[in-house]
Amino acid sequence: MAAARTASGKGLLLQLLRKEAPLPTVPSFAFVPRRHRHAQKKKWASTTPRVPCTRRALRVFDMTYGVQFGSLWPSIRIGLLSEQKCGALINNYCDAQKITQELEEMQAADFIWESGKAEQDRDPAAEQGASEPESCSETQTEPSEPQAQPPHSPFISISPNIKCYTFPKGDISLFHPARPDMLGVLGYYLLDAASVLPVLALNVQPGNLVLDLCAAPGGKMLALLQTGCCRQLAANDLSVSRTCRLRQVLHSYLPEELSEIVRITSWDGRKWGDLEMNTYDRVLVDVPCTNDRHSVIEEDNNMFNPMRKGERQMLPMLQVELLVAGILAAKPGGDVVYSTCSLSQLQNEYVVERAVELLAIQHDISIQVEDLSCFRKRFQNTFSFYPDCRLGELILPHLTANFGPMYFCKLHRLN
């Protein structure tokens, strides 16, 4: 009996030993060799910059604009860092009356119409002059040092077809995104209301051939079409992806038959003077720039990225080349408006001066620079203008009217 029990005990022990007991769980990192433990660690220098692009831009602006604007810079700086105020550009190719009524119920108003009404209230004689509007006076300037002269008349010719609604000063209300009507056409286009001023300054007349040399993203192109005066509009942008955006704007805001008068191209704007010289009655040159507001708010596509330092340094040269090409594309007697969304004198007045100088030396072309101070007087209740701009006009960001920055200057080609 004892031998049998011993045999059965040994049998049970052998059965237990044959069963595979589970191994104890060990953290997986215990098996990772030390030298491979951080193989996926980000390389700081090649990924995230040590200083964000927005902070880098703000440091540059504090140094340069602090000197340029002096005591005005703190208020401009706060405006740049605050939410931008938008305007609603009315699309005349939909039920515009219904759209304007809805916007007026929101306490928004057409700042272009309101400015004309305010000007008539200040000067009753303006009502008589409104039937025969005069543009700001022009004065011939020396090529090396263009100087603008005071206007002979306070009246300016403003297209009655461009309507842009904004909320009053100090009102930070926001517009709702536009909704398509029964035909799929959107009622208004949201943009910086200051962007409309270069189009107003261009003063497109019925039957004009118009060139928008750097047209994307399409707000100014759409404003030009709202005038109803363009016999043909050439909308160009070097970037193919941005020209796709232009086509989307046309599709969303214009009937198909009207799109036939628009020619969208993706050419190098610097060569336009050779491609179509002496062709257009009106040319808008809204050049690439540092885009100051974007640069202090958005990291994406920021001009102050260290990888774009060379591109940023070459901006003034590119801007001069584009402006020269735009003037060469204009007919003798044609008008050109140069614009940027930068506060920098290097990208604004100095570009205009250099372009005028090059045209005189290399092409024997004389240019008149128009005084646009009449714009400052007319739209002073909507925008904050810089009072010491030597050439053209500059709209400053301000908390009560947080539009801009927007610089624009009008040039008239004599020969």
Protein backbone atom coordinates (compact mmCIF):
# COMPACT_ATOMS: atom_id res chain seq x y z
CA MET A 1 0.00 0.00 0.00
CA ALA A 2 2.78 2.41 0.95
CA ALA A 3 4.56 1.69 -2.34
CA ALA A 4 1.34 2.37 -4.30
CA ARG A 5 0.81 5.69 -2.55
CA THR A 6 4.39 6.69 -3.25
CA ALA A 7 3.98 5.83 -6.94
CA SER A 8 0.73 7.78 -7.24
CA GLY A 9 2.31 10.79 -5.50
CA LYS A 10 5.22 10.78 -7.89
CA GLY A 11 2.77 10.55 -10.81
CA LEU A 12 0.86 13.64 -9.64
CA LEU A 13 4.13 15.51 -9.18
CA LEU A 14 5.23 14.62 -12.71
CA GLN A 15 1.87 15.80 -14.10
CA LEU A 16 2.19 19.13 -12.31
CA LEU A 17 5.73 19.62 -13.58
CA ARG A 18 4.64 18.87 -17.14
CA LYS A 19 2.04 21.72 -17.07
CA GLU A 20 3.41 25.03 -18.41
CA ALA A 21 3.10 27.66 -15.74
CA PRO A 22 2.61 31.26 -17.03
CA LEU A 23 5.70 33.41 -16.96
CA PRO A 24 5.55 36.49 -14.74
CA THR A 25 4.71 39.70 -16.63
CA VAL A 26 7.66 41.99 -17.11
CA PRO A 27 7.38 45.58 -18.38
CA SER A 28 8.22 45.66 -22.08
CA PHE A 29 10.77 48.43 -21.69
CA ALA A 30 12.97 46.01 -19.75
CA PHE A 31 13.80 44.30 -23.06
CA VAL A 32 14.60 47.53 -24.97
CA PRO A 33 18.34 48.10 -25.28
CA ARG A 34 19.38 51.38 -23.71
CA ARG A 35 20.93 52.74 -26.91
CA HIS A 36 17.59 52.38 -28.79
CA ARG A 37 15.33 53.64 -26.04
CA HIS A 38 15.07 57.18 -27.48
CA ALA A 39 15.31 56.36 -31.19
CA GLN A 40 12.09 58.33 -31.96
CA LYS A 41 12.98 61.42 -29.96
CA LYS A 42 12.36 64.65 -31.88
CA LYS A 43 15.33 66.64 -33.02
CA TRP A 44 14.64 70.07 -31.58
CA ALA A 45 16.67 72.01 -34.12
CA SER A 46 15.03 70.37 -37.15
CA THR A 47 11.41 70.40 -35.98
CA THR A 48 10.08 73.00 -33.57
CA PRO A 49 11.97 76.32 -33.59
CA ARG A 50 13.32 77.43 -30.24
CA VAL A 51 11.54 80.79 -30.68
CA PRO A 52 8.03 80.66 -32.24
CA CYS A 53 7.73 82.51 -35.53
CA THR A 54 5.02 84.77 -34.10
CA ARG A 55 7.28 85.86 -31.23
CA ARG A 56 10.17 86.35 -33.65
CA ALA A 57 7.97 88.58 -35.83
CA LEU A 58 6.82 90.59 -32.83
CA ARG A 59 10.42 91.19 -31.73
CA VAL A 60 11.32 92.50 -35.20
CA PHE A 61 8.23 94.72 -35.26
CA ASP A 62 8.97 96.10 -31.80
CA MET A 63 12.41 97.18 -32.99
CA THR A 64 11.45 98.58 -36.41
CA TYR A 65 7.89 99.84 -35.97
CA GLY A 66 8.64 101.16 -32.50
CA VAL A 67 11.02 103.61 -34.18
CA GLN A 68 8.81 104.23 -37.23
CA PHE A 69 5.56 104.98 -35.36
CA GLY A 70 6.85 106.14 -31.98
CA SER A 71 4.03 106.66 -29.48
CA LEU A 72 1.48 105.14 -31.88
CA TRP A 73 3.13 101.73 -31.85
CA PRO A 74 1.64 100.40 -28.54
CA SER A 75 -1.94 100.87 -29.80
CA ILE A 76 -1.04 99.42 -33.22
CA ARG A 77 0.61 96.45 -31.50
CA ILE A 78 -2.48 95.69 -29.42
CA GLY A 79 -4.62 95.90 -32.54
CA LEU A 80 -2.40 93.46 -34.43
CA LEU A 81 -2.60 90.95 -31.58
CA SER A 82 -6.39 91.25 -31.25
CA GLU A 83 -9.09 89.71 -33.41
CA GLN A 84 -9.38 91.38 -36.80
CA LYS A 85 -12.59 93.14 -37.73
CA CYS A 86 -14.25 92.03 -40.97
CA GLY A 87 -16.50 93.58 -43.55
CA ALA A 88 -19.14 91.94 -45.74
CA LEU A 89 -18.69 92.72 -49.45
CA ILE A 90 -22.15 92.46 -51.00
CA ASN A 91 -22.52 90.23 -54.05
CA ASN A 92 -24.63 92.11 -56.59
CA TYR A 93 -25.27 88.90 -58.54
CA CYS A 94 -27.72 87.52 -55.99
CA ASP A 95 -30.70 88.98 -54.12
CA ALA A 96 -28.63 91.90 -52.81
CA GLN A 97 -31.63 93.77 -51.42
CA LYS A 98 -32.56 90.87 -49.16
CA ILE A 99 -28.96 90.46 -48.00
CA THR A 100 -28.52 94.15 -47.17
CA GLN A 101 -31.79 94.16 -45.24
CA GLU A 102 -30.61 91.22 -43.13
CA LEU A 103 -27.28 92.93 -42.42
CA GLU A 104 -28.96 96.20 -41.48
CA GLU A 105 -31.14 94.31 -38.99
CA MET A 106 -27.85 93.25 -37.37
CA GLN A 107 -26.97 96.99 -37.04
CA ALA A 108 -24.32 96.80 -39.77
CA ALA A 109 -24.06 99.59 -42.36
CA ASP A 110 -22.49 100.14 -45.77
CA PHE A 111 -19.43 102.21 -44.82
CA ILE A 112 -18.96 103.47 -48.40
CA TRP A 113 -22.47 104.91 -48.62
CA GLU A 114 -22.33 106.21 -45.05
CA SER A 115 -19.05 107.99 -45.74
CA GLY A 116 -20.53 109.77 -48.75
CA LYS A 117 -23.55 110.82 -46.71
CA ALA A 118 -21.34 112.13 -43.90
CA GLU A 119 -19.27 114.10 -46.40
CA GLN A 120 -22.40 115.74 -47.80
CA ASP A 121 -23.50 116.63 -44.27
CA ARG A 122 -20.13 118.33 -43.67
CA ASP A 123 -20.20 120.12 -47.03
CA PRO A 124 -23.62 120.62 -48.68
CA ALA A 125 -21.85 121.57 -51.92
CA ALA A 126 -20.77 117.94 -52.18
CA GLU A 127 -24.32 117.02 -53.15
CA GLN A 128 -23.98 119.12 -56.29
CA GLY A 129 -20.51 117.75 -56.98
CA ALA A 130 -21.65 114.17 -56.49
CA SER A 131 -23.35 114.22 -59.89
CA GLU A 132 -20.01 115.06 -61.51
CA PRO A 133 -17.44 113.43 -59.24
CA GLU A 134 -13.85 114.45 -59.57
CA SER A 135 -10.89 112.31 -58.72
CA CYS A 136 -8.09 113.41 -56.44
CA SER A 137 -5.67 115.65 -58.25
CA GLU A 138 -2.47 114.33 -59.75
CA THR A 139 0.90 115.98 -59.85
CA GLN A 140 3.96 115.08 -61.87
CA THR A 141 6.90 114.08 -59.73
CA GLU A 142 10.61 113.79 -60.15
CA PRO A 143 11.58 110.17 -60.81
CA SER A 144 14.09 109.95 -57.97
CA GLU A 145 11.88 111.56 -55.32
CA PRO A 146 8.13 111.38 -56.00
CA GLN A 147 6.06 113.79 -53.94
CA ALA A 148 2.27 113.92 -53.71
CA GLN A 149 0.47 117.27 -53.80
CA PRO A 150 -2.75 118.42 -52.09
CA PRO A 151 -5.90 117.64 -54.07
CA HIS A 152 -7.68 120.45 -55.94
CA SER A 153 -11.10 119.02 -55.06
CA PRO A 154 -12.47 117.25 -51.98
CA PHE A 155 -14.61 114.94 -54.13
CA ILE A 156 -13.53 111.54 -55.35
CA SER A 157 -15.13 109.22 -57.86
CA ILE A 158 -16.45 106.19 -55.98
CA SER A 159 -18.17 103.26 -57.67
CA PRO A 160 -21.81 103.13 -56.49
CA ASN A 161 -21.89 99.38 -57.12
CA ILE A 162 -19.39 98.40 -54.42
CA LYS A 163 -21.16 97.90 -51.09
CA CYS A 164 -19.32 96.73 -47.99
CA TYR A 165 -21.06 96.42 -44.63
CA THR A 166 -19.26 96.84 -41.32
CA PHE A 167 -20.27 97.15 -37.69
CA PRO A 168 -19.83 100.57 -36.01
CA LYS A 169 -16.59 101.59 -34.34
CA GLY A 170 -16.14 99.76 -31.06
CA ASP A 171 -18.67 97.05 -32.01
CA ILE A 172 -16.93 93.66 -32.07
CA SER A 173 -19.89 91.71 -33.43
CA LEU A 174 -19.12 89.06 -36.03
CA PHE A 175 -20.82 88.31 -39.34
CA HIS A 176 -22.24 84.86 -39.89
CA PRO A 177 -20.81 82.87 -42.81
CA ALA A 178 -22.73 83.59 -46.01
CA ARG A 179 -25.33 81.03 -47.07
CA PRO A 180 -25.99 80.08 -50.72
CA ASP A 181 -29.29 81.06 -52.32
CA MET A 182 -31.49 78.81 -54.45
CA LEU A 183 -28.97 79.01 -57.30
CA GLY A 184 -26.03 78.21 -55.03
CA VAL A 185 -24.62 81.78 -55.11
CA LEU A 186 -23.30 83.28 -51.87
CA GLY A 187 -24.66 86.64 -50.77
CA TYR A 188 -21.52 88.29 -49.42
CA TYR A 189 -17.77 87.79 -49.08
CA LEU A 190 -16.09 88.32 -45.71
CA LEU A 191 -12.81 90.23 -45.87
CA ASP A 192 -10.82 92.99 -44.23
CA ALA A 193 -12.91 96.03 -45.16
CA ALA A 194 -9.68 97.99 -45.72
CA SER A 195 -9.02 95.70 -48.72
CA VAL A 196 -11.83 97.46 -50.58
CA LEU A 197 -10.05 100.83 -50.56
CA PRO A 198 -7.38 99.94 -53.18
CA VAL A 199 -10.20 98.86 -55.50
CA LEU A 200 -12.06 102.13 -54.90
CA ALA A 201 -8.85 104.07 -55.55
CA LEU A 202 -8.36 102.25 -58.87
CA ASN A 203 -11.60 103.89 -60.08
CA VAL A 204 -12.52 101.37 -62.79
CA GLN A 205 -14.56 102.94 -65.59
CA PRO A 206 -17.04 101.22 -67.97
CA GLY A 207 -15.27 99.24 -70.68
CA ASN A 208 -11.89 99.14 -68.92
CA LEU A 209 -9.45 96.29 -69.39
CA VAL A 210 -8.29 95.41 -65.87
CA LEU A 211 -5.35 93.37 -64.56
CA ASP A 212 -5.15 91.98 -61.03
CA LEU A 213 -1.50 90.95 -61.00
CA CYS A 214 -1.47 89.08 -57.66
CA ALA A 215 -5.14 88.17 -57.33
CA ALA A 216 -5.33 85.40 -54.71
CA PRO A 217 -7.18 84.80 -52.45
CA GLY A 218 -9.78 86.70 -54.51
CA GLY A 219 -11.42 89.40 -52.37
CA LYS A 220 -10.15 92.33 -54.44
CA MET A 221 -10.86 90.45 -57.68
CA LEU A 222 -14.47 90.00 -56.55
CA ALA A 223 -14.71 93.69 -55.61
CA LEU A 224 -13.45 94.67 -59.08
CA LEU A 225 -16.17 92.54 -60.65
CA GLN A 226 -18.84 94.15 -58.44
CA THR A 227 -18.20 97.48 -60.19
CA GLY A 228 -19.79 96.05 -63.34
CA CYS A 229 -17.27 98.04 -65.40
CA CYS A 230 -14.69 95.41 -66.38
CA ARG A 231 -14.81 94.57 -70.08
CA GLN A 232 -12.15 91.96 -69.36
CA LEU A 233 -10.43 91.06 -66.09
CA ALA A 234 -7.12 89.20 -66.04
CA ALA A 235 -6.61 87.59 -62.62
CA ASN A 236 -3.12 86.21 -62.10
CA ASP A 237 -1.24 84.48 -59.30
CA LEU A 238 2.03 82.58 -59.44
CA SER A 239 0.76 79.76 -57.20
CA VAL A 240 -1.34 77.14 -58.98
CA SER A 241 -3.08 76.18 -55.74
CA ARG A 242 -4.03 79.81 -55.15
CA THR A 243 -5.45 80.15 -58.66
CA CYS A 244 -7.65 77.17 -57.80
CA ARG A 245 -8.93 79.28 -54.92
CA LEU A 246 -9.73 82.07 -57.42
CA ARG A 247 -11.81 79.67 -59.50
CA GLN A 248 -13.69 78.57 -56.38
CA VAL A 249 -14.53 82.21 -55.60
CA LEU A 250 -15.83 82.75 -59.13
CA HIS A 251 -17.92 79.59 -58.92
CA SER A 252 -19.38 80.56 -55.52
CA TYR A 253 -20.21 84.20 -56.24
CA LEU A 254 -20.77 84.74 -59.96
CA PRO A 255 -23.17 83.36 -62.56
CA GLU A 256 -21.48 81.15 -65.11
CA GLU A 257 -21.96 83.57 -68.01
CA LEU A 258 -20.11 86.34 -66.17
CA SER A 259 -17.11 84.11 -65.55
CA GLU A 260 -16.35 84.37 -69.26
CA ILE A 261 -14.97 87.90 -68.85
CA VAL A 262 -12.41 86.64 -66.29
CA ARG A 263 -9.15 85.10 -67.44
CA ILE A 264 -7.26 83.28 -64.67
CA THR A 265 -3.55 82.61 -65.20
CA SER A 266 -0.63 81.35 -63.15
CA TRP A 267 2.30 83.27 -64.61
CA ASP A 268 5.28 85.00 -63.07
CA GLY A 269 3.96 88.51 -62.53
CA ARG A 270 7.44 90.01 -62.91
CA LYS A 271 7.35 89.14 -66.62
CA TRP A 272 3.96 90.70 -67.33
CA GLY A 273 5.48 93.85 -68.75
CA ASP A 274 7.06 91.73 -71.49
CA LEU A 275 4.02 89.50 -72.01
CA GLU A 276 1.34 92.20 -72.36
CA MET A 277 2.95 95.62 -72.49
CA ASN A 278 0.76 98.74 -72.84
CA THR A 279 -2.46 96.70 -72.64
CA TYR A 280 -4.56 97.54 -69.57
CA ASP A 281 -6.50 100.63 -68.50
CA ARG A 282 -6.32 99.71 -64.81
CA VAL A 283 -3.81 97.52 -62.95
CA LEU A 284 -3.97 96.38 -59.33
CA VAL A 285 -0.63 95.24 -57.86
CA ASP A 286 -1.38 93.71 -54.45
CA VAL A 287 2.07 92.27 -53.82
CA PRO A 288 3.26 89.49 -51.49
CA CYS A 289 4.48 91.02 -48.21
CA THR A 290 5.27 90.14 -44.60
CA ASN A 291 1.51 90.11 -43.89
CA ASP A 292 2.06 91.68 -40.48
CA ARG A 293 -1.15 90.62 -38.75
CA HIS A 294 -0.79 87.00 -39.86
CA SER A 295 2.88 87.00 -38.82
CA VAL A 296 2.14 87.82 -35.17
CA ILE A 297 -0.81 85.41 -34.83
CA GLU A 298 -0.30 82.31 -37.00
CA GLU A 299 2.65 79.93 -37.04
CA ASP A 300 1.54 78.29 -40.27
CA ASN A 301 2.99 79.82 -43.46
CA ASN A 302 4.72 82.50 -41.39
CA MET A 303 7.16 84.74 -43.25
CA PHE A 304 9.35 84.90 -40.11
CA ASN A 305 10.09 81.19 -40.14
CA PRO A 306 13.91 80.86 -40.11
CA MET A 307 13.66 78.74 -43.26
CA ARG A 308 12.14 81.76 -45.08
CA LYS A 309 14.69 84.34 -43.99
CA GLY A 310 16.14 84.70 -47.49
CA GLU A 311 12.67 85.02 -49.01
CA ARG A 312 11.75 87.72 -46.50
CA GLN A 313 14.92 89.70 -47.17
CA MET A 314 14.23 89.65 -50.92
CA LEU A 315 10.64 90.87 -50.57
CA PRO A 316 11.29 94.57 -51.38
CA MET A 317 13.14 93.62 -54.57
CA LEU A 318 10.28 91.32 -55.61
CA GLN A 319 7.75 94.05 -54.86
CA VAL A 320 9.63 96.58 -56.98
CA GLU A 321 9.81 94.12 -59.89
CA LEU A 322 6.07 93.40 -59.68
CA LEU A 323 5.16 97.10 -59.53
CA VAL A 324 7.39 97.91 -62.50
CA ALA A 325 5.82 95.04 -64.46
CA GLY A 326 2.33 96.26 -63.57
CA ILE A 327 3.08 99.79 -64.77
CA LEU A 328 4.59 98.48 -68.00
CA ALA A 329 1.43 96.42 -68.57
CA ALA A 330 -0.70 99.57 -68.21
CA LYS A 331 -1.47 101.74 -71.22
CA PRO A 332 -0.01 105.25 -71.36
CA GLY A 333 -2.62 107.24 -69.45
CA GLY A 334 -3.59 104.19 -67.40
CA ASP A 335 -3.74 103.93 -63.61
CA VAL A 336 -1.99 101.51 -61.27
CA VAL A 337 -2.69 100.93 -57.57
CA TYR A 338 0.04 99.35 -55.43
CA SER A 339 -1.01 97.78 -52.13
CA THR A 340 0.33 95.68 -49.25
CA CYS A 341 -0.92 94.49 -45.86
CA SER A 342 2.32 95.58 -44.17
CA LEU A 343 3.26 98.59 -42.05
CA SER A 344 6.85 98.59 -43.31
CA GLN A 345 8.15 101.66 -45.13
CA LEU A 346 10.63 99.37 -46.92
CA GLN A 347 7.69 97.55 -48.50
CA ASN A 348 5.52 100.62 -49.04
CA GLU A 349 6.83 104.10 -49.84
CA TYR A 350 10.36 102.99 -50.64
CA VAL A 351 9.09 100.42 -53.17
CA VAL A 352 7.04 103.11 -54.92
CA GLU A 353 10.01 105.48 -55.04
CA ARG A 354 12.36 102.83 -56.39
CA ALA A 355 9.89 101.68 -59.05
CA VAL A 356 9.36 105.25 -60.27
CA GLU A 357 13.13 105.74 -60.44
CA LEU A 358 13.73 102.51 -62.39
CA LEU A 359 10.96 103.27 -64.88
CA ALA A 360 12.47 106.68 -65.60
CA ILE A 361 16.02 105.36 -66.00
CA GLN A 362 15.43 102.08 -67.82
CA HIS A 363 12.23 102.77 -69.79
CA ASP A 364 12.01 106.58 -69.98
CA ILE A 365 8.51 106.43 -68.48
CA SER A 366 7.19 109.30 -66.35
CA ILE A 367 4.86 108.61 -63.44
CA GLN A 368 2.47 110.78 -61.46
CA VAL A 369 1.74 109.82 -57.85
CA GLU A 370 -1.76 110.80 -56.76
CA ASP A 371 -2.54 112.34 -53.42
CA LEU A 372 -5.15 110.14 -51.73
CA SER A 373 -5.62 112.25 -48.62
CA CYS A 374 -9.22 112.71 -49.77
CA PHE A 375 -9.69 109.02 -48.88
CA ARG A 376 -8.46 109.79 -45.38
CA LYS A 377 -10.99 112.58 -45.04
CA ARG A 378 -13.90 110.58 -46.44
CA PHE A 379 -13.35 107.33 -44.53
CA GLN A 380 -12.03 108.74 -41.24
CA ASN A 381 -15.13 107.53 -39.37
CA THR A 382 -14.48 103.92 -40.38
CA PHE A 383 -10.69 103.47 -40.42
CA SER A 384 -7.69 104.70 -38.47
CA PHE A 385 -5.32 106.39 -40.96
CA TYR A 386 -1.65 107.11 -40.37
CA PRO A 387 -1.31 110.91 -40.69
CA ASP A 388 2.37 111.02 -41.72
CA CYS A 389 2.41 108.78 -44.79
CA ARG A 390 4.55 110.50 -47.45
CA LEU A 391 3.10 108.64 -50.44
CA GLY A 392 -0.27 106.94 -50.56
CA GLU A 393 -2.30 106.07 -47.47
CA LEU A 394 -1.78 103.60 -44.62
CA ILE A 395 -4.58 102.16 -42.48
CA LEU A 396 -3.48 101.27 -38.96
CA PRO A 397 -4.97 98.54 -36.75
CA HIS A 398 -6.79 100.02 -33.75
CA LEU A 399 -8.96 98.36 -31.12
CA THR A 400 -12.01 100.49 -31.98
CA ALA A 401 -11.59 99.91 -35.74
CA ASN A 402 -9.41 96.84 -36.04
CA PHE A 403 -8.94 96.77 -39.81
CA GLY A 404 -5.67 96.62 -41.68
CA PRO A 405 -2.83 97.10 -41.87
CA MET A 406 -3.38 98.17 -45.47
CA TYR A 407 -1.16 100.42 -47.56
CA PHE A 408 -2.21 101.66 -50.99
CA CYS A 409 -0.76 104.16 -53.44
CA LYS A 410 -2.10 105.23 -56.84
CA LEU A 411 0.20 105.92 -59.79
CA HIS A 412 -0.68 107.38 -63.19
CA ARG A 413 1.40 106.45 -66.22
CA LEU A 414 2.05 109.45 -68.46
CA ASN A 415 3.85 107.96 -71.47
